[in-house]
PDB file of N, CA and C in Angstrom:
ATOM      1  N   UNK A   1     268.792 179.301  59.977  1.00  0.00           N
ATOM      2  CA  UNK A   1     270.424 178.705  59.835  1.00  0.00           C
ATOM      3  C   UNK A   1     271.067 177.287  60.526  1.00  0.00           C
ATOM      4  N   UNK A   2     269.718 177.174  61.188  1.00  0.00           N
ATOM      5  CA  UNK A   2     269.670 175.475  62.245  1.00  0.00           C
ATOM      6  C   UNK A   2     269.617 175.014  60.761  1.00  0.00           C
ATOM      7  N   UNK A   3     267.853 175.004  60.728  1.00  0.00           N
ATOM      8  CA  UNK A   3     267.676 173.414  60.217  1.00  0.00           C
ATOM      9  C   UNK A   3     268.133 173.896  58.674  1.00  0.00           C
ATOM     10  N   UNK A   4     269.475 174.543  58.518  1.00  0.00           N
ATOM     11  CA  UNK A   4     270.157 174.131  56.996  1.00  0.00           C
ATOM     12  C   UNK A   4     271.737 173.376  56.832  1.00  0.00           C
ATOM     13  N   UNK A   5     271.750 173.180  58.579  1.00  0.00           N
ATOM     14  CA  UNK A   5     272.571 172.671  58.590  1.00  0.00           C
ATOM     15  C   UNK A   5     272.412 171.385  59.166  1.00  0.00           C
ATOM     16  N   UNK A   6     270.821 171.258  60.519  1.00  0.00           N
ATOM     17  CA  UNK A   6     270.474 169.708  60.977  1.00  0.00           C
ATOM     18  C   UNK A   6     270.101 169.514  60.188  1.00  0.00           C
ATOM     19  N   UNK A   7     269.413 170.261  58.854  1.00  0.00           N
ATOM     20  CA  UNK A   7     268.409 168.335  57.667  1.00  0.00           C
ATOM     21  C   UNK A   7     270.355 168.376  56.849  1.00  0.00           C
ATOM     22  N   UNK A   8     270.732 168.470  57.082  1.00  0.00           N
ATOM     23  CA  UNK A   8     271.758 166.918  56.196  1.00  0.00           C
ATOM     24  C   UNK A   8     272.852 166.517  57.025  1.00  0.00           C
ATOM     25  N   UNK A   9     272.768 167.028  57.791  1.00  0.00           N
ATOM     26  CA  UNK A   9     273.309 166.011  59.558  1.00  0.00           C
ATOM     27  C   UNK A   9     272.270 164.937  58.983  1.00  0.00           C
ATOM     28  N   UNK A  10     270.431 165.327  59.840  1.00  0.00           N
ATOM     29  CA  UNK A  10     270.438 164.152  60.133  1.00  0.00           C
ATOM     30  C   UNK A  10     269.907 163.254  59.146  1.00  0.00           C
ATOM     31  N   UNK A  11     270.144 163.091  57.400  1.00  0.00           N
ATOM     32  CA  UNK A  11     270.605 162.352  56.478  1.00  0.00           C
ATOM     33  C   UNK A  11     272.005 161.825  56.408  1.00  0.00           C
ATOM     34  N   UNK A  12     272.976 162.247  56.592  1.00  0.00           N
ATOM     35  CA  UNK A  12     273.604 161.958  56.896  1.00  0.00           C
ATOM     36  C   UNK A  12     273.633 160.729  57.187  1.00  0.00           C
ATOM     37  N   UNK A  13     273.174 160.854  58.836  1.00  0.00           N
ATOM     38  CA  UNK A  13     273.052 159.750  59.469  1.00  0.00           C
ATOM     39  C   UNK A  13     272.308 159.000  59.254  1.00  0.00           C
ATOM     40  N   UNK A  14     271.637 159.429  58.548  1.00  0.00           N
ATOM     41  CA  UNK A  14     270.104 158.127  58.451  1.00  0.00           C
ATOM     42  C   UNK A  14     271.005 157.929  56.949  1.00  0.00           C
ATOM     43  N   UNK A  15     271.796 157.981  55.947  1.00  0.00           N
ATOM     44  CA  UNK A  15     272.346 157.199  54.538  1.00  0.00           C
ATOM     45  C   UNK A  15     273.630 156.253  55.412  1.00  0.00           C
ATOM     46  N   UNK A  16     274.284 156.706  56.635  1.00  0.00           N
ATOM     47  CA  UNK A  16     275.360 155.786  57.182  1.00  0.00           C
ATOM     48  C   UNK A  16     274.821 155.461  58.124  1.00  0.00           C
ATOM     49  N   UNK A  17     273.442 154.562  58.105  1.00  0.00           N
ATOM     50  CA  UNK A  17     273.396 154.279  60.097  1.00  0.00           C
ATOM     51  C   UNK A  17     273.459 152.784  58.940  1.00  0.00           C
ATOM     52  N   UNK A  18     273.157 151.692  60.099  1.00  0.00           N
ATOM     53  CA  UNK A  18     272.999 149.590  59.255  1.00  0.00           C
ATOM     54  C   UNK A  18     272.356 149.474  58.956  1.00  0.00           C
ATOM     55  N   UNK A  19     272.547 148.781  57.554  1.00  0.00           N
ATOM     56  CA  UNK A  19     271.460 148.157  56.476  1.00  0.00           C
ATOM     57  C   UNK A  19     270.788 147.148  57.454  1.00  0.00           C
ATOM     58  N   UNK A  20     269.116 147.226  57.930  1.00  0.00           N
ATOM     59  CA  UNK A  20     268.363 146.214  58.475  1.00  0.00           C
ATOM     60  C   UNK A  20     267.961 145.228  56.927  1.00  0.00           C
ATOM     61  N   UNK A  21     268.370 143.435  57.939  1.00  0.00           N
ATOM     62  CA  UNK A  21     267.789 142.480  56.404  1.00  0.00           C
ATOM     63  C   UNK A  21     266.180 142.929  56.691  1.00  0.00           C
ATOM     64  N   UNK A  22     265.819 142.952  55.488  1.00  0.00           N
ATOM     65  CA  UNK A  22     264.628 142.238  55.136  1.00  0.00           C
ATOM     66  C   UNK A  22     264.033 141.537  56.131  1.00  0.00           C
ATOM     67  N   UNK A  23     262.144 141.583  56.501  1.00  0.00           N
ATOM     68  CA  UNK A  23     261.698 140.885  57.384  1.00  0.00           C
ATOM     69  C   UNK A  23     261.115 139.743  55.995  1.00  0.00           C
ATOM     70  N   UNK A  24     261.031 138.893  56.530  1.00  0.00           N
ATOM     71  CA  UNK A  24     260.053 137.467  55.849  1.00  0.00           C
ATOM     72  C   UNK A  24     258.842 137.068  56.041  1.00  0.00           C
ATOM     73  N   UNK A  25     257.868 137.272  55.039  1.00  0.00           N
ATOM     74  CA  UNK A  25     256.819 136.163  55.988  1.00  0.00           C
ATOM     75  C   UNK A  25     256.881 135.252  56.344  1.00  0.00           C
ATOM     76  N   UNK A  26     256.275 134.319  56.932  1.00  0.00           N
ATOM     77  CA  UNK A  26     255.920 132.782  57.081  1.00  0.00           C
ATOM     78  C   UNK A  26     255.886 131.856  55.273  1.00  0.00           C
ATOM     79  N   UNK A  27     254.359 132.765  55.354  1.00  0.00           N
ATOM     80  CA  UNK A  27     254.661 132.156  53.943  1.00  0.00           C
ATOM     81  C   UNK A  27     255.193 132.284  52.655  1.00  0.00           C
ATOM     82  N   UNK A  28     256.065 133.715  52.486  1.00  0.00           N
ATOM     83  CA  UNK A  28     256.681 133.665  51.391  1.00  0.00           C
ATOM     84  C   UNK A  28     258.443 132.174  52.323  1.00  0.00           C
ATOM     85  N   UNK A  29     258.562 132.500  53.613  1.00  0.00           N
ATOM     86  CA  UNK A  29     259.438 130.742  53.254  1.00  0.00           C
ATOM     87  C   UNK A  29     259.196 129.404  53.198  1.00  0.00           C
ATOM     88  N   UNK A  30     257.517 129.249  53.375  1.00  0.00           N
ATOM     89  CA  UNK A  30     257.120 127.923  53.404  1.00  0.00           C
ATOM     90  C   UNK A  30     257.575 127.706  51.588  1.00  0.00           C
ATOM     91  N   UNK A  31     257.157 129.244  50.886  1.00  0.00           N
ATOM     92  CA  UNK A  31     256.491 128.840  49.671  1.00  0.00           C
ATOM     93  C   UNK A  31     258.618 129.034  48.988  1.00  0.00           C
ATOM     94  N   UNK A  32     259.419 129.248  49.412  1.00  0.00           N
ATOM     95  CA  UNK A  32     261.087 129.456  49.206  1.00  0.00           C
ATOM     96  C   UNK A  32     262.071 128.832  50.018  1.00  0.00           C
ATOM     97  N   UNK A  33     261.861 127.509  50.258  1.00  0.00           N
ATOM     98  CA  UNK A  33     262.622 125.974  51.146  1.00  0.00           C
ATOM     99  C   UNK A  33     264.193 126.672  51.024  1.00  0.00           C
ATOM    100  N   UNK A  34     264.844 126.977  50.364  1.00  0.00           N
ATOM    101  CA  UNK A  34     265.610 127.097  49.880  1.00  0.00           C
ATOM    102  C   UNK A  34     266.263 128.464  51.524  1.00  0.00           C
ATOM    103  N   UNK A  35     265.413 129.822  50.786  1.00  0.00           N
ATOM    104  CA  UNK A  35     265.263 130.313  51.166  1.00  0.00           C
ATOM    105  C   UNK A  35     265.142 130.063  53.492  1.00  0.00           C
ATOM    106  N   UNK A  36     264.641 129.458  53.624  1.00  0.00           N
ATOM    107  CA  UNK A  36     264.030 128.958  54.453  1.00  0.00           C
ATOM    108  C   UNK A  36     265.678 128.401  55.467  1.00  0.00           C
ATOM    109  N   UNK A  37     265.422 127.025  53.941  1.00  0.00           N
ATOM    110  CA  UNK A  37     267.039 126.389  54.560  1.00  0.00           C
ATOM    111  C   UNK A  37     268.119 127.395  55.269  1.00  0.00           C
ATOM    112  N   UNK A  38     268.377 128.096  54.721  1.00  0.00           N
ATOM    113  CA  UNK A  38     269.450 129.186  55.105  1.00  0.00           C
ATOM    114  C   UNK A  38     269.511 130.105  56.222  1.00  0.00           C
ATOM    115  N   UNK A  39     267.775 130.711  56.233  1.00  0.00           N
ATOM    116  CA  UNK A  39     267.512 131.136  57.929  1.00  0.00           C
ATOM    117  C   UNK A  39     267.708 130.480  58.366  1.00  0.00           C
ATOM    118  N   UNK A  40     267.418 129.395  58.199  1.00  0.00           N
ATOM    119  CA  UNK A  40     266.798 128.264  59.833  1.00  0.00           C
ATOM    120  C   UNK A  40     268.211 128.021  59.620  1.00  0.00           C
ATOM    121  N   UNK A  41     269.250 127.772  59.629  1.00  0.00           N
ATOM    122  CA  UNK A  41     270.910 127.468  59.559  1.00  0.00           C
ATOM    123  C   UNK A  41     271.522 128.479  60.612  1.00  0.00           C
ATOM    124  N   UNK A  42     271.372 129.910  60.002  1.00  0.00           N
ATOM    125  CA  UNK A  42     271.771 130.812  60.031  1.00  0.00           C
ATOM    126  C   UNK A  42     271.400 131.103  62.176  1.00  0.00           C
ATOM    127  N   UNK A  43     270.133 131.338  62.399  1.00  0.00           N
ATOM    128  CA  UNK A  43     269.823 131.356  63.704  1.00  0.00           C
ATOM    129  C   UNK A  43     270.102 129.902  64.644  1.00  0.00           C
ATOM    130  N   UNK A  44     269.569 128.927  63.748  1.00  0.00           N
ATOM    131  CA  UNK A  44     270.638 127.330  65.027  1.00  0.00           C
ATOM    132  C   UNK A  44     271.319 127.638  64.947  1.00  0.00           C
ATOM    133  N   UNK A  45     273.323 128.292  64.559  1.00  0.00           N
ATOM    134  CA  UNK A  45     274.215 128.388  64.402  1.00  0.00           C
ATOM    135  C   UNK A  45     274.566 129.749  65.683  1.00  0.00           C
ATOM    136  N   UNK A  46     273.187 130.080  65.803  1.00  0.00           N
ATOM    137  CA  UNK A  46     274.329 131.346  66.222  1.00  0.00           C
ATOM    138  C   UNK A  46     272.518 131.373  67.395  1.00  0.00           C
ATOM    139  N   UNK A  47     272.228 130.843  67.970  1.00  0.00           N
ATOM    140  CA  UNK A  47     270.735 131.805  68.734  1.00  0.00           C
ATOM    141  C   UNK A  47     271.002 132.603  69.446  1.00  0.00           C
ATOM    142  N   UNK A  48     272.142 132.676  70.432  1.00  0.00           N
ATOM    143  CA  UNK A  48     272.253 133.334  71.579  1.00  0.00           C
ATOM    144  C   UNK A  48     271.673 135.135  70.809  1.00  0.00           C
ATOM    145  N   UNK A  49     272.033 135.329  69.150  1.00  0.00           N
ATOM    146  CA  UNK A  49     272.217 137.014  68.913  1.00  0.00           C
ATOM    147  C   UNK A  49     270.751 137.030  68.165  1.00  0.00           C
ATOM    148  N   UNK A  50     270.934 136.117  67.246  1.00  0.00           N
ATOM    149  CA  UNK A  50     269.231 135.633  66.247  1.00  0.00           C
ATOM    150  C   UNK A  50     268.133 134.893  66.476  1.00  0.00           C
ATOM    151  N   UNK A  51     268.242 134.327  67.590  1.00  0.00           N
ATOM    152  CA  UNK A  51     267.241 133.514  68.265  1.00  0.00           C
ATOM    153  C   UNK A  51     265.607 134.434  68.260  1.00  0.00           C
ATOM    154  N   UNK A  52     265.872 135.898  69.044  1.00  0.00           N
ATOM    155  CA  UNK A  52     264.327 136.225  69.438  1.00  0.00           C
ATOM    156  C   UNK A  52     264.317 136.867  67.915  1.00  0.00           C
ATOM    157  N   UNK A  53     264.958 137.494  66.387  1.00  0.00           N
ATOM    158  CA  UNK A  53     264.790 138.231  65.880  1.00  0.00           C
ATOM    159  C   UNK A  53     263.005 137.622  64.734  1.00  0.00           C
ATOM    160  N   UNK A  54     263.175 137.718  64.474  1.00  0.00           N
ATOM    161  CA  UNK A  54     261.943 138.571  63.242  1.00  0.00           C
ATOM    162  C   UNK A  54     261.875 136.937  62.659  1.00  0.00           C
ATOM    163  N   UNK A  55     262.566 137.309  62.165  1.00  0.00           N
ATOM    164  CA  UNK A  55     263.490 135.899  60.432  1.00  0.00           C
ATOM    165  C   UNK A  55     263.420 134.578  60.976  1.00  0.00           C
ATOM    166  N   UNK A  56     263.796 134.219  62.489  1.00  0.00           N
ATOM    167  CA  UNK A  56     263.888 133.332  62.779  1.00  0.00           C
ATOM    168  C   UNK A  56     262.766 133.281  63.602  1.00  0.00           C
ATOM    169  N   UNK A  57     262.257 133.697  63.894  1.00  0.00           N
ATOM    170  CA  UNK A  57     261.246 133.332  64.779  1.00  0.00           C
ATOM    171  C   UNK A  57     259.940 132.652  63.011  1.00  0.00           C
ATOM    172  N   UNK A  58     259.337 133.774  62.157  1.00  0.00           N
ATOM    173  CA  UNK A  58     259.430 133.168  60.878  1.00  0.00           C
ATOM    174  C   UNK A  58     259.466 131.388  60.487  1.00  0.00           C
ATOM    175  N   UNK A  59     260.868 131.886  60.542  1.00  0.00           N
ATOM    176  CA  UNK A  59     261.225 130.060  59.803  1.00  0.00           C
ATOM    177  C   UNK A  59     261.565 129.007  60.833  1.00  0.00           C
ATOM    178  N   UNK A  60     261.384 129.692  61.706  1.00  0.00           N
ATOM    179  CA  UNK A  60     261.299 128.320  62.312  1.00  0.00           C
ATOM    180  C   UNK A  60     259.670 127.744  62.810  1.00  0.00           C
ATOM    181  N   UNK A  61     258.884 128.912  62.095  1.00  0.00           N
ATOM    182  CA  UNK A  61     256.694 128.561  61.870  1.00  0.00           C
ATOM    183  C   UNK A  61     256.709 127.692  60.345  1.00  0.00           C
ATOM    184  N   UNK A  62     257.793 128.428  59.967  1.00  0.00           N
ATOM    185  CA  UNK A  62     258.041 128.263  59.118  1.00  0.00           C
ATOM    186  C   UNK A  62     257.956 126.458  58.472  1.00  0.00           C
ATOM    187  N   UNK A  63     259.163 126.462  58.838  1.00  0.00           N
ATOM    188  CA  UNK A  63     259.336 125.378  58.769  1.00  0.00           C
ATOM    189  C   UNK A  63     258.786 124.153  59.911  1.00  0.00           C
ATOM    190  N   UNK A  64     257.512 124.071  60.902  1.00  0.00           N
ATOM    191  CA  UNK A  64     256.797 123.282  61.949  1.00  0.00           C
ATOM    192  C   UNK A  64     256.054 123.279  60.353  1.00  0.00           C
ATOM    193  N   UNK A  65     255.194 124.161  60.057  1.00  0.00           N
ATOM    194  CA  UNK A  65     253.561 124.107  59.119  1.00  0.00           C
ATOM    195  C   UNK A  65     255.388 123.279  58.234  1.00  0.00           C
ATOM    196  N   UNK A  66     255.756 123.192  57.222  1.00  0.00           N
ATOM    197  CA  UNK A  66     256.342 122.546  56.132  1.00  0.00           C
ATOM    198  C   UNK A  66     256.361 121.171  56.750  1.00  0.00           C
ATOM    199  N   UNK A  67     257.066 120.705  57.529  1.00  0.00           N
ATOM    200  CA  UNK A  67     257.311 119.434  59.271  1.00  0.00           C
ATOM    201  C   UNK A  67     255.174 118.695  58.544  1.00  0.00           C
ATOM    202  N   UNK A  68     254.258 119.586  59.033  1.00  0.00           N
ATOM    203  CA  UNK A  68     253.294 119.105  59.556  1.00  0.00           C
ATOM    204  C   UNK A  68     252.572 118.441  57.931  1.00  0.00           C
ATOM    205  N   UNK A  69     252.299 119.513  57.452  1.00  0.00           N
ATOM    206  CA  UNK A  69     252.439 119.073  55.287  1.00  0.00           C
ATOM    207  C   UNK A  69     252.711 118.128  55.277  1.00  0.00           C
ATOM    208  N   UNK A  70     253.637 118.113  55.012  1.00  0.00           N
ATOM    209  CA  UNK A  70     254.924 116.480  54.927  1.00  0.00           C
ATOM    210  C   UNK A  70     253.923 115.498  55.373  1.00  0.00           C
ATOM    211  N   UNK A  71     253.726 115.549  57.014  1.00  0.00           N
ATOM    212  CA  UNK A  71     253.914 114.843  57.683  1.00  0.00           C
ATOM    213  C   UNK A  71     251.910 114.523  57.607  1.00  0.00           C
ATOM    214  N   UNK A  72     251.577 114.722  56.671  1.00  0.00           N
ATOM    215  CA  UNK A  72     249.866 114.831  56.998  1.00  0.00           C
ATOM    216  C   UNK A  72     249.913 113.914  55.449  1.00  0.00           C
ATOM    217  N   UNK A  73     251.123 114.730  54.340  1.00  0.00           N
ATOM    218  CA  UNK A  73     250.520 113.936  52.926  1.00  0.00           C
ATOM    219  C   UNK A  73     251.271 112.069  53.164  1.00  0.00           C
ATOM    220  N   UNK A  74     251.625 112.484  53.782  1.00  0.00           N
ATOM    221  CA  UNK A  74     252.932 110.187  54.256  1.00  0.00           C
ATOM    222  C   UNK A  74     252.108 109.946  54.894  1.00  0.00           C
ATOM    223  N   UNK A  75     250.720 110.152  55.668  1.00  0.00           N
ATOM    224  CA  UNK A  75     250.084 109.471  56.413  1.00  0.00           C
ATOM    225  C   UNK A  75     248.471 109.115  55.255  1.00  0.00           C
ATOM    226  N   UNK A  76     248.520 110.444  53.690  1.00  0.00           N
ATOM    227  CA  UNK A  76     247.395 110.316  53.351  1.00  0.00           C
ATOM    228  C   UNK A  76     246.410 110.510  53.193  1.00  0.00           C
ATOM    229  N   UNK A  77     246.360 112.092  53.988  1.00  0.00           N
ATOM    230  CA  UNK A  77     245.622 112.868  54.737  1.00  0.00           C
ATOM    231  C   UNK A  77     245.449 114.465  53.846  1.00  0.00           C
TER     232      UNK A  77
END
């Protein structure tokens, strides 16, 4: 009897829980510069709350990687 009450309650709590944002990899962000730009903008506008999130860390890494690629191309490398 307890299980009959416990299971629906647990499913209800899971269904009502806050949806988490998808975490993007560095490669995905390098490939989609518009997405990268939007994430970097959000992170830089609210670094106290978002600064340590996986998406912000990956976005900063992807941004640095793209900057290095552009510098290499501009130098002919």
